[in-house]
Amino acid sequence: MKNKLIGIIDYAINECVNEKIFELDFLPRVEVEVPANSEHGDYATNAAMILASSVKKNPRNIAEAIQSRIVDKESIISKTEIAGPGFINFFIKDKVWKNKLKLIEEKEAKYGQINIGLSKKIQVEFVSANPTGPLHIGHARGAVVGDVIANLLKATGYIVSKEYYINDAGNQMNNLGNSVYLRYRELKGERIYYPESCYQGDYIKDIAAKILEKDKDKHLKEDEKTTIQYFTRIAGGIILEDIKNDLADFGVIFDEYFSENKLYENDGVKNILDELRRKGFVYSDGETLWFKTSRFGDEKDRVVVRKTGEPTYFAADIAYHENKYSRGFDTVVDIWGADHHGYIPRMYAGIMALGHDKEKLKIVLVQLVNLLRAGQPVAMSTRAGKFVTLREVLDEVGKDAARYNFLMRRSDSHLDFDLELAKRQSNENPVYYVKYAHARICSILKIAEERGVFIPCFNNINPDLLKEPEEMTLIKMAIRYPEIIEGAVRSLEPHRIPFYINEMAAVFHSYYNKNKVISENRELTSARLFLVKTIRRVMKNALGLLGVDAPEKM
């Protein structure tokens, strides 16, 4: 519906230009949105206000010119109104909305899928936590945001690859090996000094105990440097395997696990820096190598090789992104923690210096999670190893509640996650509220079948009987579902989906409490059964994108 209106508005604007009502060098993208207040129409556009600065005319006069040149060939518009400083409000005929319900019936599980991706290859890289400890709730939020963005991209025609970048090179891995080695010696009865800089969690002791059980005390007699390297490899492998298992139970499966060490094979990082140096983007001050990121809008230049000769994380990230593009991805999406906000300009600089369009890199920031229990903060300390892991949350509230609650706010805003609320079987719990709506519809349809009432298809109902306010709201919401998907993809904002489902569930519950779906009126019963059947389909499809089950009973 929205795209049809955009086409109608585009045509009207072009007519204004052709008739020399105003002049335009180019036609800006027309935006059509759903007004917050339904009294202002089904859709509205601010096209007149967008055009005003270019054509030097009063926006209301522009709106009137556009309105008078609207051609509605398919007869979908009941009326238009000009409001405020120049909004054009569109009211769609009820019959048009109702007839589109047939599309949901025809497409079923594919309803909502659209092809705006045109089979372009896109990579989504997320989580990418160092394999130095279990995933915590911050990683969990990034995991579900990345996973649902990937699901949305697949549903809109992109060829998607989900990737986890394993930071298995550098000092943090050496520190991991040393941490396990010290605990190993401690388990053998040595009194050791265990620095605060070492990893503190009990999982370090557990890994040390596994090595001791397998290898006994043989590592006490070996060269310490060689032993720590061995402990690093073993510990990193154990932790990564645990991470994979936790993510799988969370419903997140990656297509690729990419090791940072691969970047250094055959002097890969050095070769990229050499190329940038030949292009004049990398220079030396005698001790360190610097990248001229300021040439691309960064506030200052950045170090890529320290005076020790060791490449920085930034150098590796430039090489990693070049590797991504070399694998044929049209676009790359990175999901980062919000604390990496300052890193964005230099990453753009890196890909632009290598000749890639800035638009080919999309960065989504994920803010911190405040974990609560019955409204009270749960104390956490990463330094002391006292943090809440993804595994602990999964064990307590389950996959569905965890995924849904992590998606209930914009990813770049702070999120309060109340463990007790996530377990509660009441309308206060968003995921329960939505699942209960789906299960309630399933129950209605089952009761109808048990009573011998035929569950109709669109051609067997009289849609004109669906005229209650909640019925029209549900119909419009169902028809707008593909628009919700498109908006979520274009903005990379997966939270739009749970917002939409929760609103639909609220309207349905209200409708059910006021109206009988199955009644003595057979025609009305058929129409309402068809309606709730389509609402169930939309809810199931939407929950599927979120990786959340749609139960038939609760």
Protein backbone atom coordinates (compact mmCIF):
# COMPACT_ATOMS: atom_id res chain seq x y z
CA MET A 1 0.00 0.00 0.00
CA LYS A 2 2.74 2.44 0.97
CA ASN A 3 4.69 1.87 -2.25
CA LYS A 4 1.54 2.46 -4.31
CA LEU A 5 1.03 5.80 -2.58
CA ILE A 6 4.68 6.73 -3.17
CA GLY A 7 4.14 6.07 -6.88
CA ILE A 8 0.97 8.20 -6.89
CA ILE A 9 2.76 11.08 -5.12
CA ASP A 10 5.79 10.84 -7.44
CA TYR A 11 3.46 11.10 -10.44
CA ALA A 12 1.67 14.16 -8.99
CA ILE A 13 4.98 15.92 -8.27
CA ASN A 14 6.20 15.22 -11.80
CA GLU A 15 2.95 16.68 -13.14
CA CYS A 16 3.59 19.83 -11.10
CA VAL A 17 7.06 20.09 -12.66
CA ASN A 18 5.74 19.43 -16.17
CA GLU A 19 3.11 22.15 -15.71
CA LYS A 20 5.81 24.48 -14.34
CA ILE A 21 4.05 24.90 -11.01
CA PHE A 22 7.56 24.63 -9.59
CA GLU A 23 11.00 23.56 -10.79
CA LEU A 24 13.10 20.69 -9.48
CA ASP A 25 16.61 19.57 -10.40
CA PHE A 26 15.88 16.10 -9.05
CA LEU A 27 13.00 14.34 -7.34
CA PRO A 28 13.79 13.61 -3.68
CA ARG A 29 12.75 10.31 -2.14
CA VAL A 30 9.13 10.57 -1.06
CA GLU A 31 8.47 9.43 2.51
CA VAL A 32 5.10 7.99 3.46
CA GLU A 33 4.39 7.08 7.08
CA VAL A 34 1.49 5.89 9.23
CA PRO A 35 0.22 8.82 11.35
CA ALA A 36 0.32 8.35 15.11
CA ASN A 37 -3.34 9.39 15.24
CA SER A 38 -5.61 7.30 13.00
CA GLU A 39 -7.94 10.31 12.62
CA HIS A 40 -5.22 11.81 10.42
CA GLY A 41 -5.61 9.06 7.86
CA ASP A 42 -4.06 5.72 7.07
CA TYR A 43 -0.88 7.27 5.64
CA ALA A 44 0.64 10.74 5.44
CA THR A 45 3.48 12.38 3.53
CA ASN A 46 5.57 15.45 4.30
CA ALA A 47 6.68 15.69 0.65
CA ALA A 48 5.45 19.30 0.37
CA MET A 49 7.58 20.40 3.32
CA ILE A 50 10.62 18.57 1.94
CA LEU A 51 10.17 20.30 -1.42
CA ALA A 52 9.57 23.76 0.09
CA SER A 53 13.22 24.73 0.55
CA SER A 54 14.10 23.67 -3.01
CA VAL A 55 11.21 25.27 -4.88
CA LYS A 56 10.94 28.35 -2.62
CA LYS A 57 7.20 28.06 -2.12
CA ASN A 58 4.84 27.78 0.82
CA PRO A 59 4.51 24.08 1.73
CA ARG A 60 0.71 24.27 1.98
CA ASN A 61 0.54 25.67 -1.55
CA ILE A 62 2.83 22.86 -2.73
CA ALA A 63 0.62 20.31 -0.93
CA GLU A 64 -2.48 21.73 -2.65
CA ALA A 65 -0.77 21.51 -6.04
CA ILE A 66 0.24 17.88 -5.41
CA GLN A 67 -3.19 16.98 -4.04
CA SER A 68 -5.00 18.38 -7.09
CA ARG A 69 -2.84 16.27 -9.42
CA ILE A 70 -3.26 12.93 -7.68
CA VAL A 71 -4.32 10.21 -10.10
CA ASP A 72 -5.76 7.16 -8.35
CA LYS A 73 -6.02 4.65 -11.21
CA GLU A 74 -6.72 1.67 -8.94
CA SER A 75 -9.31 3.60 -6.92
CA ILE A 76 -7.74 2.80 -3.54
CA ILE A 77 -8.08 6.27 -1.95
CA SER A 78 -11.34 7.34 -0.30
CA LYS A 79 -10.14 10.91 0.35
CA THR A 80 -7.09 13.11 0.96
CA GLU A 81 -6.66 16.02 3.36
CA ILE A 82 -4.04 18.71 3.85
CA ALA A 83 -3.13 19.20 7.48
CA GLY A 84 -0.83 21.37 9.57
CA PRO A 85 2.04 23.06 7.74
CA GLY A 86 1.62 20.90 4.64
CA PHE A 87 1.08 17.22 5.42
CA ILE A 88 -1.04 15.32 2.91
CA ASN A 89 -3.13 12.68 4.66
CA PHE A 90 -4.46 9.68 2.74
CA PHE A 91 -7.51 7.63 3.69
CA ILE A 92 -7.68 4.18 2.06
CA LYS A 93 -11.02 2.54 1.27
CA ASP A 94 -12.03 -0.15 3.77
CA LYS A 95 -12.82 -2.52 0.90
CA VAL A 96 -9.23 -2.26 -0.34
CA TRP A 97 -7.83 -3.22 3.06
CA LYS A 98 -10.19 -6.19 3.39
CA ASN A 99 -9.53 -7.54 -0.09
CA LYS A 100 -5.81 -7.64 0.62
CA LEU A 101 -6.39 -10.26 3.31
CA LYS A 102 -6.48 -12.77 0.48
CA LEU A 103 -2.75 -12.16 -0.04
CA ILE A 104 -1.98 -13.46 3.47
CA GLU A 105 -3.93 -16.63 2.73
CA GLU A 106 -2.08 -17.15 -0.55
CA LYS A 107 1.43 -16.56 0.75
CA GLU A 108 1.07 -18.15 4.20
CA ALA A 109 4.59 -18.72 5.63
CA LYS A 110 6.08 -16.45 2.96
CA TYR A 111 3.80 -13.55 3.82
CA GLY A 112 5.93 -10.54 4.69
CA GLN A 113 8.83 -11.63 2.50
CA ILE A 114 9.77 -9.03 -0.12
CA ASN A 115 12.62 -8.82 -2.60
CA ILE A 116 14.39 -5.53 -2.02
CA GLY A 117 17.74 -7.29 -1.60
CA LEU A 118 17.80 -8.57 -5.19
CA SER A 119 20.10 -11.47 -4.19
CA LYS A 120 22.92 -9.13 -3.16
CA LYS A 121 25.49 -10.77 -0.88
CA ILE A 122 25.62 -9.31 2.60
CA GLN A 123 27.62 -10.33 5.65
CA VAL A 124 26.50 -9.77 9.22
CA GLU A 125 29.32 -10.00 11.76
CA PHE A 126 28.31 -10.03 15.40
CA VAL A 127 29.16 -11.22 18.91
CA SER A 128 32.87 -11.72 18.02
CA ALA A 129 33.79 -11.89 21.70
CA ASN A 130 37.33 -12.84 22.65
CA PRO A 131 37.48 -16.57 23.43
CA THR A 132 38.78 -15.75 26.89
CA GLY A 133 35.61 -16.37 28.86
CA PRO A 134 31.91 -17.24 28.63
CA LEU A 135 29.46 -14.92 26.91
CA HIS A 136 27.78 -12.45 29.25
CA ILE A 137 24.44 -10.67 28.84
CA GLY A 138 25.99 -7.82 26.85
CA HIS A 139 27.16 -10.35 24.26
CA ALA A 140 23.71 -11.96 24.39
CA ARG A 141 21.96 -8.76 23.37
CA GLY A 142 24.35 -8.30 20.45
CA ALA A 143 23.82 -11.93 19.48
CA VAL A 144 20.05 -11.69 19.13
CA VAL A 145 20.21 -8.26 17.45
CA GLY A 146 22.64 -9.62 14.85
CA ASP A 147 20.72 -12.85 14.39
CA VAL A 148 17.38 -11.11 13.81
CA ILE A 149 18.93 -8.55 11.46
CA ALA A 150 20.26 -11.52 9.46
CA ASN A 151 16.78 -13.13 9.49
CA LEU A 152 15.22 -9.89 8.26
CA LEU A 153 17.77 -9.54 5.47
CA LYS A 154 17.13 -13.12 4.33
CA ALA A 155 13.38 -12.44 4.33
CA THR A 156 13.89 -9.45 2.05
CA GLY A 157 15.90 -11.07 -0.69
CA TYR A 158 19.52 -10.81 0.43
CA ILE A 159 21.99 -13.69 0.41
CA VAL A 160 23.22 -13.53 4.00
CA SER A 161 26.26 -14.93 5.77
CA LYS A 162 26.50 -14.73 9.58
CA GLU A 163 30.07 -14.50 10.84
CA TYR A 164 31.83 -14.61 14.20
CA TYR A 165 35.30 -13.01 14.25
CA ILE A 166 37.50 -14.89 16.69
CA ASN A 167 39.97 -12.52 18.36
CA ASP A 168 42.51 -15.27 18.93
CA ALA A 169 45.67 -13.23 18.39
CA GLY A 170 47.34 -10.80 20.76
CA ASN A 171 47.98 -10.24 24.44
CA GLN A 172 44.53 -11.22 25.71
CA MET A 173 45.12 -14.78 24.54
CA ASN A 174 48.56 -14.93 26.15
CA ASN A 175 46.97 -13.64 29.33
CA LEU A 176 44.38 -16.43 29.11
CA GLY A 177 47.08 -19.08 28.81
CA ASN A 178 49.02 -17.61 31.71
CA SER A 179 45.86 -17.42 33.86
CA VAL A 180 45.14 -21.13 33.33
CA TYR A 181 48.82 -22.02 33.85
CA LEU A 182 48.87 -20.24 37.24
CA ARG A 183 45.67 -22.01 38.35
CA TYR A 184 47.15 -25.31 37.16
CA ARG A 185 50.18 -24.79 39.39
CA GLU A 186 47.90 -23.76 42.24
CA LEU A 187 45.97 -27.01 41.89
CA LYS A 188 49.28 -28.85 42.26
CA GLY A 189 49.73 -27.27 45.68
CA GLU A 190 51.94 -24.30 44.82
CA ARG A 191 51.38 -21.02 46.57
CA ILE A 192 51.24 -18.53 43.73
CA TYR A 193 50.66 -14.82 43.22
CA TYR A 194 47.60 -14.45 40.98
CA PRO A 195 47.55 -10.92 39.48
CA GLU A 196 44.35 -8.91 39.11
CA SER A 197 45.17 -8.57 35.42
CA CYS A 198 44.57 -12.32 35.00
CA TYR A 199 41.09 -13.71 34.25
CA GLN A 200 39.27 -14.22 37.52
CA GLY A 201 36.29 -16.45 36.86
CA ASP A 202 35.86 -20.00 38.14
CA TYR A 203 35.91 -21.21 34.54
CA ILE A 204 39.70 -20.68 34.56
CA LYS A 205 40.04 -23.13 37.44
CA ASP A 206 37.76 -25.58 35.64
CA ILE A 207 39.94 -25.51 32.51
CA ALA A 208 43.09 -25.91 34.59
CA ALA A 209 41.52 -28.93 36.31
CA LYS A 210 40.71 -30.51 32.91
CA ILE A 211 44.29 -30.10 31.77
CA LEU A 212 45.57 -31.51 35.07
CA GLU A 213 43.28 -34.52 34.81
CA LYS A 214 44.47 -35.25 31.28
CA ASP A 215 48.16 -34.34 31.44
CA LYS A 216 48.89 -34.79 35.16
CA ASP A 217 51.85 -32.70 36.34
CA LYS A 218 54.03 -32.97 33.22
CA HIS A 219 53.75 -29.25 32.45
CA LEU A 220 55.51 -28.33 35.70
CA LYS A 221 58.77 -29.61 34.21
CA GLU A 222 58.44 -28.00 30.77
CA ASP A 223 59.59 -24.64 29.41
CA GLU A 224 57.17 -22.02 30.75
CA LYS A 225 56.80 -20.09 27.47
CA THR A 226 56.01 -23.26 25.52
CA THR A 227 53.63 -24.43 28.24
CA ILE A 228 51.71 -21.14 28.29
CA GLN A 229 51.34 -21.33 24.48
CA TYR A 230 49.92 -24.84 24.88
CA PHE A 231 47.56 -23.71 27.66
CA THR A 232 46.43 -20.78 25.49
CA ARG A 233 45.53 -23.09 22.61
CA ILE A 234 43.70 -25.61 24.82
CA ALA A 235 41.85 -22.98 26.86
CA GLY A 236 40.84 -20.97 23.79
CA GLY A 237 39.47 -24.10 22.14
CA ILE A 238 37.46 -25.14 25.21
CA ILE A 239 36.00 -21.65 25.68
CA LEU A 240 35.13 -21.26 22.00
CA GLU A 241 33.35 -24.61 22.00
CA ASP A 242 31.35 -23.54 25.08
CA ILE A 243 30.50 -20.25 23.34
CA LYS A 244 29.24 -22.15 20.28
CA ASN A 245 27.09 -24.41 22.47
CA ASP A 246 25.61 -21.46 24.39
CA LEU A 247 24.83 -19.63 21.15
CA ALA A 248 23.22 -22.73 19.63
CA ASP A 249 20.94 -23.07 22.66
CA PHE A 250 20.15 -19.36 22.21
CA GLY A 251 19.08 -20.08 18.64
CA VAL A 252 22.13 -18.46 17.05
CA ILE A 253 24.07 -20.49 14.50
CA PHE A 254 26.92 -18.90 12.55
CA ASP A 255 27.81 -19.71 8.97
CA GLU A 256 31.46 -18.85 9.53
CA TYR A 257 33.91 -18.58 12.41
CA PHE A 258 36.81 -16.46 11.16
CA SER A 259 40.12 -16.63 13.04
CA GLU A 260 42.07 -13.39 13.45
CA ASN A 261 45.24 -15.44 12.98
CA LYS A 262 44.27 -15.98 9.32
CA LEU A 263 44.85 -12.28 8.69
CA TYR A 264 48.54 -12.64 9.55
CA GLU A 265 49.13 -15.59 7.24
CA ASN A 266 51.46 -14.75 4.32
CA ASP A 267 52.02 -11.28 5.81
CA GLY A 268 48.38 -10.37 5.14
CA VAL A 269 48.18 -7.41 7.54
CA LYS A 270 51.61 -6.11 6.47
CA ASN A 271 50.64 -6.28 2.80
CA ILE A 272 47.49 -4.23 3.39
CA LEU A 273 49.48 -1.59 5.27
CA ASP A 274 52.10 -1.55 2.50
CA GLU A 275 49.34 -0.94 -0.04
CA LEU A 276 47.96 1.94 2.02
CA ARG A 277 51.46 3.35 2.38
CA ARG A 278 51.93 3.31 -1.41
CA LYS A 279 48.64 5.20 -1.71
CA GLY A 280 49.93 7.81 0.72
CA PHE A 281 47.53 6.99 3.56
CA VAL A 282 50.09 5.45 5.94
CA TYR A 283 53.22 7.27 7.12
CA SER A 284 56.00 6.81 9.68
CA ASP A 285 57.15 9.23 12.36
CA GLY A 286 60.32 7.20 12.85
CA GLU A 287 58.96 4.97 15.61
CA THR A 288 55.37 4.13 14.70
CA LEU A 289 53.21 3.84 11.62
CA TRP A 290 50.19 6.12 11.36
CA PHE A 291 47.07 6.01 9.20
CA LYS A 292 45.82 9.38 7.87
CA THR A 293 42.27 8.79 9.07
CA SER A 294 41.88 12.57 9.46
CA ARG A 295 41.80 12.73 5.64
CA PHE A 296 38.44 10.93 5.85
CA GLY A 297 36.81 12.93 8.63
CA ASP A 298 38.30 11.32 11.76
CA GLU A 299 39.36 13.75 14.49
CA LYS A 300 43.01 12.66 14.31
CA ASP A 301 45.31 10.12 12.68
CA ARG A 302 45.54 6.63 14.21
CA VAL A 303 48.43 4.29 14.97
CA VAL A 304 48.49 1.08 12.94
CA VAL A 305 51.91 -0.27 14.01
CA ARG A 306 53.36 0.48 17.44
CA LYS A 307 57.02 1.29 17.95
CA THR A 308 57.47 -2.29 19.16
CA GLY A 309 56.58 -3.39 15.62
CA GLU A 310 53.29 -4.91 16.78
CA PRO A 311 50.21 -4.09 14.65
CA THR A 312 47.27 -2.48 16.47
CA TYR A 313 43.73 -3.86 16.53
CA PHE A 314 42.87 -1.18 13.99
CA ALA A 315 45.41 -2.56 11.53
CA ALA A 316 43.92 -6.04 11.87
CA ASP A 317 40.40 -4.64 11.45
CA ILE A 318 41.36 -2.90 8.20
CA ALA A 319 42.76 -6.18 6.89
CA TYR A 320 39.70 -8.07 8.10
CA HIS A 321 37.29 -5.75 6.30
CA GLU A 322 39.32 -5.93 3.11
CA ASN A 323 39.11 -9.71 3.44
CA LYS A 324 35.31 -9.44 3.72
CA TYR A 325 34.99 -7.44 0.52
CA SER A 326 37.43 -9.74 -1.27
CA ARG A 327 35.00 -12.60 -0.55
CA GLY A 328 32.40 -10.87 -2.71
CA PHE A 329 30.09 -9.26 -0.15
CA ASP A 330 28.25 -6.24 -1.53
CA THR A 331 27.61 -4.89 1.96
CA VAL A 332 28.99 -5.63 5.40
CA VAL A 333 27.03 -5.13 8.63
CA ASP A 334 28.98 -4.91 11.89
CA ILE A 335 27.23 -5.22 15.26
CA TRP A 336 29.34 -3.44 17.89
CA GLY A 337 29.06 -2.60 21.55
CA ALA A 338 28.18 1.06 22.10
CA ASP A 339 31.58 1.63 23.75
CA HIS A 340 33.07 1.32 20.23
CA HIS A 341 31.23 4.42 19.00
CA GLY A 342 34.46 6.39 18.64
CA TYR A 343 35.87 3.64 16.45
CA ILE A 344 33.35 4.23 13.65
CA PRO A 345 35.08 7.14 11.82
CA ARG A 346 38.41 5.32 11.62
CA MET A 347 36.74 2.16 10.29
CA TYR A 348 35.02 4.16 7.58
CA ALA A 349 38.40 5.74 6.81
CA GLY A 350 39.96 2.30 6.48
CA ILE A 351 37.51 0.98 3.91
CA MET A 352 37.38 4.24 1.96
CA ALA A 353 41.19 4.35 1.69
CA LEU A 354 41.02 0.86 0.20
CA GLY A 355 38.58 2.11 -2.44
CA HIS A 356 35.27 0.93 -1.01
CA ASP A 357 32.09 2.99 -0.78
CA LYS A 358 31.30 4.12 2.76
CA GLU A 359 27.70 2.96 2.20
CA LYS A 360 28.96 -0.61 1.91
CA LEU A 361 29.64 -0.68 5.65
CA LYS A 362 26.71 -0.51 8.08
CA ILE A 363 27.45 -0.32 11.79
CA VAL A 364 24.82 -1.09 14.42
CA LEU A 365 25.60 -0.16 18.03
CA VAL A 366 24.28 -2.20 20.96
CA GLN A 367 24.01 -0.58 24.37
CA LEU A 368 24.53 -2.18 27.75
CA VAL A 369 21.99 -4.32 29.57
CA ASN A 370 20.98 -3.49 33.13
CA LEU A 371 20.07 -6.79 34.73
CA LEU A 372 17.35 -6.63 37.37
CA ARG A 373 15.65 -9.08 39.67
CA ALA A 374 12.18 -7.96 40.79
CA GLY A 375 13.17 -4.39 39.92
CA GLN A 376 16.45 -4.43 41.85
CA PRO A 377 19.84 -4.27 40.07
CA VAL A 378 21.91 -7.46 39.97
CA ALA A 379 25.48 -6.70 41.00
CA MET A 380 28.10 -7.56 38.40
CA SER A 381 31.86 -7.13 38.24
CA THR A 382 33.79 -8.31 35.20
CA ARG A 383 37.13 -7.75 36.96
CA ALA A 384 36.18 -10.07 39.79
CA GLY A 385 34.71 -12.60 37.38
CA LYS A 386 31.23 -12.02 38.83
CA PHE A 387 29.10 -11.42 35.78
CA VAL A 388 25.88 -12.96 34.59
CA THR A 389 26.49 -15.23 31.65
CA LEU A 390 24.24 -15.99 28.72
CA ARG A 391 24.09 -19.59 29.96
CA GLU A 392 22.75 -18.47 33.36
CA VAL A 393 20.04 -16.35 31.73
CA LEU A 394 19.05 -19.19 29.38
CA ASP A 395 18.85 -21.65 32.26
CA GLU A 396 16.66 -19.29 34.27
CA VAL A 397 14.26 -17.72 31.74
CA GLY A 398 14.64 -19.82 28.57
CA LYS A 399 15.54 -19.01 24.97
CA ASP A 400 12.32 -17.31 23.89
CA ALA A 401 11.97 -14.96 26.85
CA ALA A 402 15.65 -14.04 26.61
CA ARG A 403 15.55 -13.32 22.87
CA TYR A 404 12.30 -11.36 23.03
CA ASN A 405 13.31 -9.22 26.01
CA PHE A 406 16.69 -8.36 24.50
CA LEU A 407 14.82 -6.99 21.46
CA MET A 408 12.27 -4.87 23.31
CA ARG A 409 14.23 -1.61 22.96
CA ARG A 410 16.25 0.06 20.23
CA SER A 411 19.66 -1.59 20.21
CA ASP A 412 21.42 1.76 20.80
CA SER A 413 19.43 2.48 23.98
CA HIS A 414 20.02 1.01 27.43
CA LEU A 415 17.89 -2.01 28.27
CA ASP A 416 16.51 -3.08 31.64
CA PHE A 417 16.10 -6.86 31.72
CA ASP A 418 14.14 -8.09 34.73
CA LEU A 419 14.68 -11.81 35.23
CA GLU A 420 11.58 -12.25 37.38
CA LEU A 421 9.36 -10.41 34.88
CA ALA A 422 10.74 -12.53 32.01
CA LYS A 423 9.57 -15.69 33.83
CA ARG A 424 6.18 -14.35 34.85
CA GLN A 425 3.13 -15.88 33.17
CA SER A 426 1.08 -12.70 33.02
CA ASN A 427 0.24 -9.88 30.66
CA GLU A 428 3.07 -7.84 32.18
CA ASN A 429 5.53 -10.16 30.44
CA PRO A 430 5.71 -9.10 26.76
CA VAL A 431 6.68 -12.49 25.34
CA TYR A 432 3.99 -14.28 27.37
CA TYR A 433 1.42 -11.69 26.25
CA VAL A 434 2.23 -12.30 22.56
CA LYS A 435 2.47 -16.08 22.83
CA TYR A 436 -0.83 -16.18 24.68
CA ALA A 437 -2.50 -14.24 21.84
CA HIS A 438 -1.25 -16.80 19.32
CA ALA A 439 -2.28 -19.73 21.52
CA ARG A 440 -5.70 -18.16 22.11
CA ILE A 441 -6.31 -17.93 18.34
CA CYS A 442 -5.26 -21.56 17.94
CA SER A 443 -7.74 -22.48 20.66
CA ILE A 444 -10.55 -20.60 18.90
CA LEU A 445 -9.85 -22.39 15.63
CA LYS A 446 -9.67 -25.76 17.38
CA ILE A 447 -13.01 -25.17 19.13
CA ALA A 448 -14.56 -24.26 15.78
CA GLU A 449 -13.31 -27.50 14.23
CA GLU A 450 -14.58 -29.53 17.21
CA ARG A 451 -18.02 -27.97 16.73
CA GLY A 452 -17.98 -28.82 13.04
CA VAL A 453 -17.60 -25.20 11.98
CA PHE A 454 -15.70 -24.92 8.71
CA ILE A 455 -12.57 -22.72 8.80
CA PRO A 456 -13.18 -20.69 5.66
CA CYS A 457 -10.93 -19.32 2.94
CA PHE A 458 -11.28 -15.75 1.71
CA ASN A 459 -13.58 -16.62 -1.20
CA ASN A 460 -16.10 -18.13 1.26
CA ILE A 461 -16.54 -15.09 3.50
CA ASN A 462 -18.32 -11.76 3.31
CA PRO A 463 -15.55 -9.30 4.31
CA ASP A 464 -18.11 -6.45 4.59
CA LEU A 465 -19.22 -8.03 7.88
CA LEU A 466 -15.85 -7.16 9.42
CA LYS A 467 -16.67 -3.61 10.48
CA GLU A 468 -15.93 -3.37 14.20
CA PRO A 469 -13.19 -0.79 14.95
CA GLU A 470 -10.83 -3.47 16.31
CA GLU A 471 -11.47 -5.60 13.22
CA MET A 472 -10.44 -2.79 10.89
CA THR A 473 -7.39 -2.08 13.06
CA LEU A 474 -6.33 -5.74 12.96
CA ILE A 475 -6.86 -5.90 9.20
CA LYS A 476 -4.76 -2.78 8.60
CA MET A 477 -2.02 -4.04 10.91
CA ALA A 478 -1.91 -7.39 9.11
CA ILE A 479 -1.70 -5.75 5.68
CA ARG A 480 1.06 -3.40 6.86
CA TYR A 481 3.25 -6.28 8.05
CA PRO A 482 5.48 -6.29 4.90
CA GLU A 483 5.94 -2.53 5.36
CA ILE A 484 7.07 -3.14 8.94
CA ILE A 485 9.61 -5.69 7.68
CA GLU A 486 10.90 -3.33 5.00
CA GLY A 487 11.25 -0.48 7.50
CA ALA A 488 13.11 -2.70 9.97
CA VAL A 489 15.53 -3.83 7.25
CA ARG A 490 16.22 -0.40 5.79
CA SER A 491 16.90 1.03 9.25
CA LEU A 492 18.50 -2.17 10.65
CA GLU A 493 16.18 -1.85 13.65
CA PRO A 494 14.93 -5.31 14.68
CA HIS A 495 13.09 -3.90 17.72
CA ARG A 496 10.35 -2.75 15.33
CA ILE A 497 9.12 -6.34 15.04
CA PRO A 498 8.37 -7.02 18.75
CA PHE A 499 6.84 -3.52 18.98
CA TYR A 500 4.53 -4.46 16.12
CA ILE A 501 3.61 -7.90 17.48
CA ASN A 502 2.92 -6.55 20.96
CA GLU A 503 0.60 -3.91 19.53
CA MET A 504 -1.19 -6.53 17.44
CA ALA A 505 -1.55 -8.80 20.48
CA ALA A 506 -3.01 -5.92 22.50
CA VAL A 507 -5.60 -5.15 19.81
CA PHE A 508 -6.49 -8.82 19.46
CA HIS A 509 -6.94 -9.37 23.21
CA SER A 510 -9.16 -6.28 23.36
CA TYR A 511 -11.17 -7.48 20.36
CA TYR A 512 -11.61 -10.98 21.82
CA ASN A 513 -12.79 -9.60 25.15
CA LYS A 514 -15.50 -7.52 23.43
CA ASN A 515 -16.65 -9.81 20.63
CA LYS A 516 -17.60 -13.43 20.08
CA VAL A 517 -15.70 -15.00 17.21
CA ILE A 518 -17.95 -18.07 17.13
CA SER A 519 -21.63 -17.15 17.36
CA GLU A 520 -25.06 -18.14 16.09
CA ASN A 521 -24.54 -15.88 13.07
CA ARG A 522 -22.85 -18.28 10.66
CA GLU A 523 -21.79 -15.64 8.12
CA LEU A 524 -20.26 -13.42 10.79
CA THR A 525 -18.58 -16.44 12.39
CA SER A 526 -16.98 -17.38 9.08
CA ALA A 527 -15.68 -13.85 8.51
CA ARG A 528 -14.25 -13.61 12.01
CA LEU A 529 -12.68 -17.07 11.87
CA PHE A 530 -10.95 -16.07 8.66
CA LEU A 531 -9.74 -12.85 10.25
CA VAL A 532 -8.26 -14.52 13.33
CA LYS A 533 -6.70 -17.19 11.12
CA THR A 534 -4.84 -14.49 9.18
CA ILE A 535 -3.78 -12.73 12.39
CA ARG A 536 -2.38 -16.04 13.65
CA ARG A 537 -0.40 -16.42 10.42
CA VAL A 538 1.08 -12.93 10.67
CA MET A 539 2.01 -13.41 14.33
CA LYS A 540 3.61 -16.78 13.63
CA ASN A 541 5.65 -15.37 10.75
CA ALA A 542 6.80 -12.41 12.83
CA LEU A 543 7.74 -14.57 15.82
CA GLY A 544 9.65 -16.84 13.45
CA LEU A 545 11.80 -13.89 12.34
CA LEU A 546 12.60 -13.24 16.00
CA GLY A 547 13.54 -16.88 16.53
CA VAL A 548 10.71 -17.28 19.05
CA ASP A 549 8.29 -20.23 19.11
CA ALA A 550 4.57 -19.67 18.43
CA PRO A 551 2.77 -22.12 20.77
CA GLU A 552 -0.62 -23.61 19.93
CA LYS A 553 -1.56 -23.94 23.59
CA MET A 554 -0.35 -22.57 26.93
